[in-house]
Amino acid sequence: MKNTLTFLLFLSANFCLPAQVQNPVTWKARYTAISASEGELIFYAAIDKNWHMYSQRPTDAGPIPTSFTFTPSRSYQLVGKTEETEAHEEFVPAFEAKIFVFKDVAEFRQKIKLTGKPGFIVAVKLEYMTCNDMMCLPPKTIELPVKIQ
């Protein structure tokens, strides 16, 4: 009985391990000034080969769309919604539906109006989900602060 339990624990750990250590998306963020009182937060995702990430477009098919949550501050105001580079629509077998995805790279832009002096940080929480042809990783939430200079 003890050997069976040990084997099952070993087996489950080996099947779960790849999903826990894989991180197929690398994020970078920066600020670009448009004028003295306006600028753009730019979020860039580098996506590993054979993986894809989902668009911000909501879907009933199952995957979690990419989303951004900006911590409110007296130093800035959001202008409009977060825009994304053109995602392409493809059939995703895991969800048996056509869904908008990014492969290789994705870029998102959020305009802001400065209401305070530069030298502050915009705190951003970002949620996204990735899949390949064999599996989907659980949705991931990261914090991505952007310094406004």
N, C-alpha and C. Protein backbone atom coordinates (compact mmCIF):
# COMPACT_ATOMS: atom_id res chain seq x y z
N MET A 1 0.82 -1.19 0.00
CA MET A 1 0.00 0.00 0.00
C MET A 1 0.87 1.26 0.00
N LYS A 2 1.94 1.24 0.83
CA LYS A 2 2.83 2.39 0.91
C LYS A 2 3.52 2.65 -0.43
N ASN A 3 3.94 1.57 -1.11
CA ASN A 3 4.58 1.72 -2.41
C ASN A 3 3.62 2.29 -3.44
N THR A 4 2.37 1.87 -3.40
CA THR A 4 1.37 2.38 -4.34
C THR A 4 1.14 3.86 -4.11
N LEU A 5 1.02 4.27 -2.85
CA LEU A 5 0.83 5.68 -2.52
C LEU A 5 2.03 6.52 -2.96
N THR A 6 3.22 6.03 -2.72
CA THR A 6 4.45 6.73 -3.14
C THR A 6 4.48 6.88 -4.65
N PHE A 7 4.15 5.82 -5.37
CA PHE A 7 4.13 5.86 -6.83
C PHE A 7 3.11 6.88 -7.34
N LEU A 8 1.92 6.89 -6.76
CA LEU A 8 0.89 7.84 -7.17
C LEU A 8 1.31 9.28 -6.91
N LEU A 9 1.93 9.55 -5.78
CA LEU A 9 2.43 10.89 -5.49
C LEU A 9 3.52 11.29 -6.48
N PHE A 10 4.43 10.36 -6.79
CA PHE A 10 5.49 10.63 -7.76
C PHE A 10 4.89 10.92 -9.14
N LEU A 11 3.93 10.11 -9.54
CA LEU A 11 3.29 10.26 -10.83
C LEU A 11 2.55 11.59 -10.94
N SER A 12 1.77 11.94 -9.92
CA SER A 12 1.02 13.19 -9.97
C SER A 12 1.96 14.39 -9.94
N ALA A 13 3.04 14.33 -9.20
CA ALA A 13 4.00 15.44 -9.15
C ALA A 13 4.65 15.65 -10.51
N ASN A 14 4.96 14.56 -11.21
CA ASN A 14 5.59 14.68 -12.52
C ASN A 14 4.64 15.21 -13.58
N PHE A 15 3.37 14.91 -13.47
CA PHE A 15 2.41 15.44 -14.44
C PHE A 15 2.07 16.89 -14.15
N CYS A 16 2.09 17.31 -12.90
CA CYS A 16 1.77 18.67 -12.54
C CYS A 16 2.96 19.61 -12.69
N LEU A 17 4.16 19.12 -12.55
CA LEU A 17 5.35 19.95 -12.55
C LEU A 17 5.51 20.81 -13.80
N PRO A 18 5.34 20.28 -15.01
CA PRO A 18 5.55 21.13 -16.18
C PRO A 18 4.65 22.35 -16.19
N ALA A 19 3.41 22.23 -15.77
CA ALA A 19 2.50 23.36 -15.78
C ALA A 19 2.89 24.39 -14.73
N GLN A 20 3.54 23.95 -13.65
CA GLN A 20 3.88 24.87 -12.59
C GLN A 20 5.13 25.69 -12.91
N VAL A 21 6.07 25.14 -13.63
CA VAL A 21 7.32 25.85 -13.88
C VAL A 21 7.36 26.55 -15.23
N GLN A 22 6.45 26.28 -16.10
CA GLN A 22 6.47 26.91 -17.41
C GLN A 22 5.95 28.34 -17.30
N ASN A 23 6.64 29.22 -18.00
CA ASN A 23 6.23 30.61 -18.07
C ASN A 23 6.50 31.08 -19.50
N PRO A 24 5.59 30.79 -20.42
CA PRO A 24 5.85 31.05 -21.83
C PRO A 24 5.70 32.51 -22.28
N VAL A 25 5.42 33.42 -21.36
CA VAL A 25 5.27 34.83 -21.74
C VAL A 25 6.17 35.69 -20.85
N THR A 26 6.93 36.56 -21.50
CA THR A 26 7.77 37.53 -20.79
C THR A 26 7.21 38.92 -21.06
N TRP A 27 6.95 39.67 -19.99
CA TRP A 27 6.34 40.99 -20.10
C TRP A 27 7.36 42.10 -19.84
N LYS A 28 7.20 43.20 -20.56
CA LYS A 28 7.94 44.43 -20.32
C LYS A 28 6.94 45.59 -20.41
N ALA A 29 7.20 46.64 -19.65
CA ALA A 29 6.32 47.82 -19.69
C ALA A 29 7.17 49.08 -19.68
N ARG A 30 6.67 50.12 -20.36
CA ARG A 30 7.37 51.39 -20.36
C ARG A 30 6.37 52.53 -20.58
N TYR A 31 6.83 53.72 -20.34
CA TYR A 31 6.02 54.92 -20.53
C TYR A 31 6.65 55.75 -21.62
N THR A 32 5.81 56.28 -22.52
CA THR A 32 6.25 57.20 -23.55
C THR A 32 5.42 58.46 -23.45
N ALA A 33 6.08 59.61 -23.33
CA ALA A 33 5.37 60.89 -23.26
C ALA A 33 4.87 61.28 -24.64
N ILE A 34 3.63 61.75 -24.69
CA ILE A 34 3.06 62.29 -25.92
C ILE A 34 3.18 63.81 -25.88
N SER A 35 2.95 64.38 -24.71
CA SER A 35 3.11 65.81 -24.46
C SER A 35 3.49 65.96 -22.98
N ALA A 36 3.54 67.20 -22.50
CA ALA A 36 3.90 67.43 -21.10
C ALA A 36 2.84 66.88 -20.14
N SER A 37 1.61 66.73 -20.62
CA SER A 37 0.52 66.29 -19.73
C SER A 37 -0.14 64.98 -20.16
N GLU A 38 0.39 64.34 -21.19
CA GLU A 38 -0.23 63.12 -21.68
C GLU A 38 0.85 62.13 -22.12
N GLY A 39 0.53 60.85 -21.95
CA GLY A 39 1.48 59.83 -22.36
C GLY A 39 0.79 58.50 -22.59
N GLU A 40 1.61 57.50 -22.85
CA GLU A 40 1.09 56.17 -23.15
C GLU A 40 1.88 55.12 -22.38
N LEU A 41 1.16 54.23 -21.72
CA LEU A 41 1.76 53.06 -21.10
C LEU A 41 1.78 51.97 -22.17
N ILE A 42 2.92 51.38 -22.39
CA ILE A 42 3.06 50.36 -23.43
C ILE A 42 3.48 49.05 -22.76
N PHE A 43 2.70 48.01 -23.00
CA PHE A 43 2.94 46.69 -22.43
C PHE A 43 3.27 45.75 -23.58
N TYR A 44 4.42 45.11 -23.49
CA TYR A 44 4.90 44.23 -24.56
C TYR A 44 5.05 42.81 -24.02
N ALA A 45 4.45 41.85 -24.72
CA ALA A 45 4.54 40.44 -24.33
C ALA A 45 5.30 39.68 -25.40
N ALA A 46 6.37 38.99 -25.00
CA ALA A 46 7.09 38.08 -25.89
C ALA A 46 6.60 36.68 -25.55
N ILE A 47 6.03 36.01 -26.55
CA ILE A 47 5.39 34.71 -26.34
C ILE A 47 6.26 33.62 -26.95
N ASP A 48 6.57 32.60 -26.15
CA ASP A 48 7.41 31.50 -26.62
C ASP A 48 6.80 30.80 -27.84
N LYS A 49 7.68 30.23 -28.64
CA LYS A 49 7.27 29.47 -29.83
C LYS A 49 6.32 28.34 -29.41
N ASN A 50 5.31 28.10 -30.22
CA ASN A 50 4.28 27.07 -30.04
C ASN A 50 3.28 27.39 -28.93
N TRP A 51 3.31 28.58 -28.38
CA TRP A 51 2.35 29.01 -27.38
C TRP A 51 1.53 30.16 -27.94
N HIS A 52 0.37 30.38 -27.38
CA HIS A 52 -0.42 31.56 -27.73
C HIS A 52 -1.08 32.12 -26.47
N MET A 53 -1.43 33.39 -26.55
CA MET A 53 -2.05 34.10 -25.45
C MET A 53 -3.35 34.70 -25.98
N TYR A 54 -4.31 34.90 -25.12
CA TYR A 54 -5.63 35.34 -25.56
C TYR A 54 -5.77 36.85 -25.54
N SER A 55 -6.57 37.33 -26.47
CA SER A 55 -6.89 38.74 -26.62
C SER A 55 -7.69 39.25 -25.42
N GLN A 56 -7.92 40.54 -25.38
CA GLN A 56 -8.79 41.15 -24.37
C GLN A 56 -10.27 40.91 -24.68
N ARG A 57 -10.54 40.51 -25.90
CA ARG A 57 -11.94 40.33 -26.31
C ARG A 57 -12.60 39.21 -25.52
N PRO A 58 -13.70 39.51 -24.85
CA PRO A 58 -14.38 38.48 -24.06
C PRO A 58 -14.95 37.38 -24.97
N THR A 59 -15.00 36.18 -24.43
CA THR A 59 -15.54 35.05 -25.16
C THR A 59 -16.27 34.13 -24.19
N ASP A 60 -17.29 33.48 -24.68
CA ASP A 60 -18.02 32.50 -23.86
C ASP A 60 -17.41 31.10 -24.00
N ALA A 61 -16.37 30.98 -24.83
CA ALA A 61 -15.81 29.66 -25.13
C ALA A 61 -14.98 29.08 -24.00
N GLY A 62 -14.44 29.89 -23.10
CA GLY A 62 -13.70 29.31 -21.99
C GLY A 62 -12.44 30.00 -21.55
N PRO A 63 -11.54 30.44 -22.46
CA PRO A 63 -10.30 31.01 -21.96
C PRO A 63 -10.51 32.37 -21.30
N ILE A 64 -9.62 32.69 -20.38
CA ILE A 64 -9.65 33.98 -19.70
C ILE A 64 -9.01 35.02 -20.63
N PRO A 65 -9.73 36.08 -20.96
CA PRO A 65 -9.11 37.11 -21.80
C PRO A 65 -8.06 37.90 -21.01
N THR A 66 -7.10 38.46 -21.71
CA THR A 66 -6.10 39.30 -21.09
C THR A 66 -6.80 40.54 -20.53
N SER A 67 -6.42 40.94 -19.33
CA SER A 67 -7.04 42.14 -18.73
C SER A 67 -6.03 42.92 -17.92
N PHE A 68 -6.27 44.23 -17.82
CA PHE A 68 -5.42 45.15 -17.09
C PHE A 68 -6.24 45.85 -16.02
N THR A 69 -5.69 45.94 -14.82
CA THR A 69 -6.32 46.69 -13.74
C THR A 69 -5.31 47.72 -13.26
N PHE A 70 -5.69 48.99 -13.39
CA PHE A 70 -4.82 50.10 -13.01
C PHE A 70 -5.25 50.62 -11.64
N THR A 71 -4.30 50.68 -10.72
CA THR A 71 -4.59 51.20 -9.39
C THR A 71 -4.85 52.70 -9.49
N PRO A 72 -6.02 53.15 -9.03
CA PRO A 72 -6.34 54.59 -9.11
C PRO A 72 -5.30 55.43 -8.36
N SER A 73 -5.08 56.64 -8.86
CA SER A 73 -4.11 57.55 -8.26
C SER A 73 -4.50 58.98 -8.59
N ARG A 74 -4.12 59.90 -7.75
CA ARG A 74 -4.35 61.33 -8.02
C ARG A 74 -3.34 61.85 -9.04
N SER A 75 -2.36 61.06 -9.38
CA SER A 75 -1.29 61.50 -10.28
C SER A 75 -1.61 61.32 -11.76
N TYR A 76 -2.63 60.50 -12.07
CA TYR A 76 -2.97 60.27 -13.48
C TYR A 76 -4.44 59.88 -13.63
N GLN A 77 -4.92 59.99 -14.87
CA GLN A 77 -6.26 59.50 -15.23
C GLN A 77 -6.11 58.67 -16.50
N LEU A 78 -6.87 57.60 -16.57
CA LEU A 78 -6.89 56.81 -17.80
C LEU A 78 -7.64 57.58 -18.88
N VAL A 79 -7.18 57.47 -20.11
CA VAL A 79 -7.85 58.09 -21.25
C VAL A 79 -8.27 56.96 -22.18
N GLY A 80 -9.55 56.66 -22.25
CA GLY A 80 -10.04 55.58 -23.10
C GLY A 80 -9.72 54.22 -22.50
N LYS A 81 -9.82 53.21 -23.36
CA LYS A 81 -9.58 51.83 -22.95
C LYS A 81 -8.21 51.36 -23.42
N THR A 82 -7.75 50.27 -22.84
CA THR A 82 -6.48 49.68 -23.26
C THR A 82 -6.66 49.08 -24.65
N GLU A 83 -5.82 49.49 -25.57
CA GLU A 83 -5.88 48.99 -26.95
C GLU A 83 -4.83 47.91 -27.14
N GLU A 84 -5.08 47.01 -28.07
CA GLU A 84 -4.14 45.93 -28.35
C GLU A 84 -3.77 45.90 -29.82
N THR A 85 -2.59 45.33 -30.10
CA THR A 85 -2.23 45.10 -31.49
C THR A 85 -3.21 44.08 -32.04
N GLU A 86 -3.25 43.93 -33.31
CA GLU A 86 -4.25 43.06 -33.93
C GLU A 86 -4.02 41.59 -33.61
N ALA A 87 -4.92 41.05 -32.82
CA ALA A 87 -4.92 39.61 -32.57
C ALA A 87 -5.57 38.94 -33.78
N HIS A 88 -5.25 37.69 -34.01
CA HIS A 88 -5.89 37.00 -35.13
C HIS A 88 -6.82 35.91 -34.59
N GLU A 89 -7.86 35.66 -35.33
CA GLU A 89 -8.85 34.67 -34.93
C GLU A 89 -8.44 33.30 -35.47
N GLU A 90 -8.47 32.31 -34.58
CA GLU A 90 -8.17 30.95 -35.03
C GLU A 90 -8.99 29.95 -34.22
N PHE A 91 -9.15 28.78 -34.79
CA PHE A 91 -9.87 27.71 -34.09
C PHE A 91 -8.93 27.12 -33.05
N VAL A 92 -9.39 27.10 -31.79
CA VAL A 92 -8.59 26.55 -30.69
C VAL A 92 -9.24 25.24 -30.26
N PRO A 93 -8.59 24.10 -30.57
CA PRO A 93 -9.18 22.79 -30.26
C PRO A 93 -9.54 22.60 -28.78
N ALA A 94 -8.74 23.15 -27.89
CA ALA A 94 -9.01 22.96 -26.45
C ALA A 94 -10.38 23.50 -26.05
N PHE A 95 -10.84 24.53 -26.74
CA PHE A 95 -12.12 25.15 -26.41
C PHE A 95 -13.17 24.93 -27.50
N GLU A 96 -12.75 24.24 -28.57
CA GLU A 96 -13.64 23.95 -29.69
C GLU A 96 -14.37 25.19 -30.18
N ALA A 97 -13.60 26.27 -30.36
CA ALA A 97 -14.18 27.55 -30.78
C ALA A 97 -13.13 28.41 -31.47
N LYS A 98 -13.62 29.36 -32.26
CA LYS A 98 -12.73 30.36 -32.83
C LYS A 98 -12.55 31.46 -31.79
N ILE A 99 -11.28 31.78 -31.51
CA ILE A 99 -10.95 32.74 -30.46
C ILE A 99 -9.82 33.63 -30.97
N PHE A 100 -9.80 34.89 -30.53
CA PHE A 100 -8.74 35.81 -30.91
C PHE A 100 -7.52 35.57 -30.03
N VAL A 101 -6.38 35.33 -30.69
CA VAL A 101 -5.14 34.98 -29.99
C VAL A 101 -3.97 35.80 -30.51
N PHE A 102 -2.90 35.80 -29.73
CA PHE A 102 -1.61 36.35 -30.13
C PHE A 102 -0.60 35.23 -30.16
N LYS A 103 0.28 35.26 -31.15
CA LYS A 103 1.42 34.35 -31.20
C LYS A 103 2.67 35.21 -31.35
N ASP A 104 3.75 34.78 -30.79
CA ASP A 104 5.06 35.44 -30.85
C ASP A 104 5.12 36.72 -30.01
N VAL A 105 4.31 37.72 -30.36
CA VAL A 105 4.33 38.99 -29.63
C VAL A 105 2.92 39.57 -29.50
N ALA A 106 2.76 40.40 -28.50
CA ALA A 106 1.52 41.17 -28.33
C ALA A 106 1.91 42.51 -27.73
N GLU A 107 1.17 43.52 -28.11
CA GLU A 107 1.43 44.84 -27.55
C GLU A 107 0.10 45.48 -27.17
N PHE A 108 0.09 46.11 -26.00
CA PHE A 108 -1.10 46.77 -25.48
C PHE A 108 -0.70 48.20 -25.12
N ARG A 109 -1.61 49.15 -25.36
CA ARG A 109 -1.32 50.56 -25.07
C ARG A 109 -2.48 51.19 -24.32
N GLN A 110 -2.12 51.96 -23.30
CA GLN A 110 -3.12 52.68 -22.51
C GLN A 110 -2.68 54.14 -22.39
N LYS A 111 -3.51 55.04 -22.92
CA LYS A 111 -3.20 56.47 -22.79
C LYS A 111 -3.57 56.94 -21.39
N ILE A 112 -2.76 57.88 -20.88
CA ILE A 112 -3.05 58.48 -19.58
C ILE A 112 -2.84 59.99 -19.66
N LYS A 113 -3.55 60.68 -18.79
CA LYS A 113 -3.38 62.13 -18.63
C LYS A 113 -2.73 62.33 -17.27
N LEU A 114 -1.63 63.06 -17.25
CA LEU A 114 -0.94 63.32 -16.00
C LEU A 114 -1.68 64.42 -15.24
N THR A 115 -2.01 64.16 -14.00
CA THR A 115 -2.67 65.15 -13.15
C THR A 115 -1.77 65.55 -11.99
N GLY A 116 -0.59 64.98 -11.97
CA GLY A 116 0.42 65.30 -10.96
C GLY A 116 1.76 65.44 -11.64
N LYS A 117 2.78 65.66 -10.87
CA LYS A 117 4.12 65.79 -11.43
C LYS A 117 4.70 64.42 -11.74
N PRO A 118 5.52 64.31 -12.80
CA PRO A 118 6.20 63.03 -13.08
C PRO A 118 7.04 62.60 -11.88
N GLY A 119 7.41 61.33 -11.89
CA GLY A 119 8.19 60.77 -10.80
C GLY A 119 7.37 59.84 -9.93
N PHE A 120 6.28 59.33 -10.48
CA PHE A 120 5.43 58.39 -9.75
C PHE A 120 5.37 57.07 -10.51
N ILE A 121 4.76 56.10 -9.89
CA ILE A 121 4.63 54.78 -10.50
C ILE A 121 3.15 54.45 -10.70
N VAL A 122 2.81 53.96 -11.88
CA VAL A 122 1.46 53.45 -12.14
C VAL A 122 1.50 51.96 -11.81
N ALA A 123 0.71 51.57 -10.82
CA ALA A 123 0.65 50.15 -10.44
C ALA A 123 -0.39 49.45 -11.32
N VAL A 124 0.04 48.38 -11.97
CA VAL A 124 -0.83 47.66 -12.90
C VAL A 124 -0.84 46.18 -12.55
N LYS A 125 -2.04 45.61 -12.49
CA LYS A 125 -2.18 44.15 -12.38
C LYS A 125 -2.67 43.66 -13.73
N LEU A 126 -2.05 42.60 -14.16
CA LEU A 126 -2.31 42.06 -15.49
C LEU A 126 -2.65 40.59 -15.36
N GLU A 127 -3.78 40.18 -15.94
CA GLU A 127 -4.16 38.77 -15.93
C GLU A 127 -4.19 38.27 -17.36
N TYR A 128 -3.63 37.07 -17.57
CA TYR A 128 -3.59 36.50 -18.92
C TYR A 128 -3.56 34.98 -18.82
N MET A 129 -3.82 34.35 -19.94
CA MET A 129 -3.84 32.89 -20.01
C MET A 129 -3.13 32.45 -21.28
N THR A 130 -2.38 31.36 -21.19
CA THR A 130 -1.65 30.84 -22.35
C THR A 130 -1.94 29.36 -22.55
N CYS A 131 -1.86 28.95 -23.81
CA CYS A 131 -2.04 27.54 -24.17
C CYS A 131 -1.07 27.20 -25.28
N ASN A 132 -0.83 25.90 -25.42
CA ASN A 132 -0.15 25.39 -26.60
C ASN A 132 -1.05 24.30 -27.18
N ASP A 133 -0.53 23.48 -28.06
CA ASP A 133 -1.37 22.44 -28.68
C ASP A 133 -1.71 21.29 -27.75
N MET A 134 -1.02 21.21 -26.60
CA MET A 134 -1.25 20.07 -25.71
C MET A 134 -1.90 20.44 -24.38
N MET A 135 -1.73 21.71 -23.94
CA MET A 135 -2.28 22.07 -22.63
C MET A 135 -2.46 23.58 -22.51
N CYS A 136 -3.26 23.94 -21.53
CA CYS A 136 -3.42 25.33 -21.16
C CYS A 136 -2.91 25.49 -19.73
N LEU A 137 -2.23 26.59 -19.49
CA LEU A 137 -1.78 26.89 -18.14
C LEU A 137 -2.89 27.66 -17.43
N PRO A 138 -2.95 27.57 -16.13
CA PRO A 138 -3.96 28.34 -15.40
C PRO A 138 -3.74 29.83 -15.63
N PRO A 139 -4.79 30.63 -15.55
CA PRO A 139 -4.60 32.08 -15.70
C PRO A 139 -3.57 32.58 -14.70
N LYS A 140 -2.80 33.57 -15.12
CA LYS A 140 -1.73 34.10 -14.28
C LYS A 140 -1.97 35.59 -14.08
N THR A 141 -1.77 36.07 -12.85
CA THR A 141 -1.86 37.48 -12.54
C THR A 141 -0.49 37.95 -12.09
N ILE A 142 -0.02 39.04 -12.71
CA ILE A 142 1.27 39.60 -12.33
C ILE A 142 1.09 41.10 -12.07
N GLU A 143 2.01 41.65 -11.32
CA GLU A 143 2.06 43.10 -11.11
C GLU A 143 3.16 43.64 -11.99
N LEU A 144 2.85 44.73 -12.68
CA LEU A 144 3.77 45.31 -13.63
C LEU A 144 3.79 46.83 -13.43
N PRO A 145 4.62 47.32 -12.51
CA PRO A 145 4.66 48.77 -12.26
C PRO A 145 5.34 49.51 -13.41
N VAL A 146 4.83 50.71 -13.72
CA VAL A 146 5.41 51.52 -14.79
C VAL A 146 5.80 52.88 -14.19
N LYS A 147 7.07 53.23 -14.30
CA LYS A 147 7.56 54.50 -13.77
C LYS A 147 7.29 55.62 -14.76
N ILE A 148 6.69 56.69 -14.27
CA ILE A 148 6.41 57.86 -15.08
C ILE A 148 7.46 58.91 -14.75
N GLN A 149 8.31 59.23 -15.70
CA GLN A 149 9.40 60.18 -15.45
C GLN A 149 9.18 61.46 -16.21
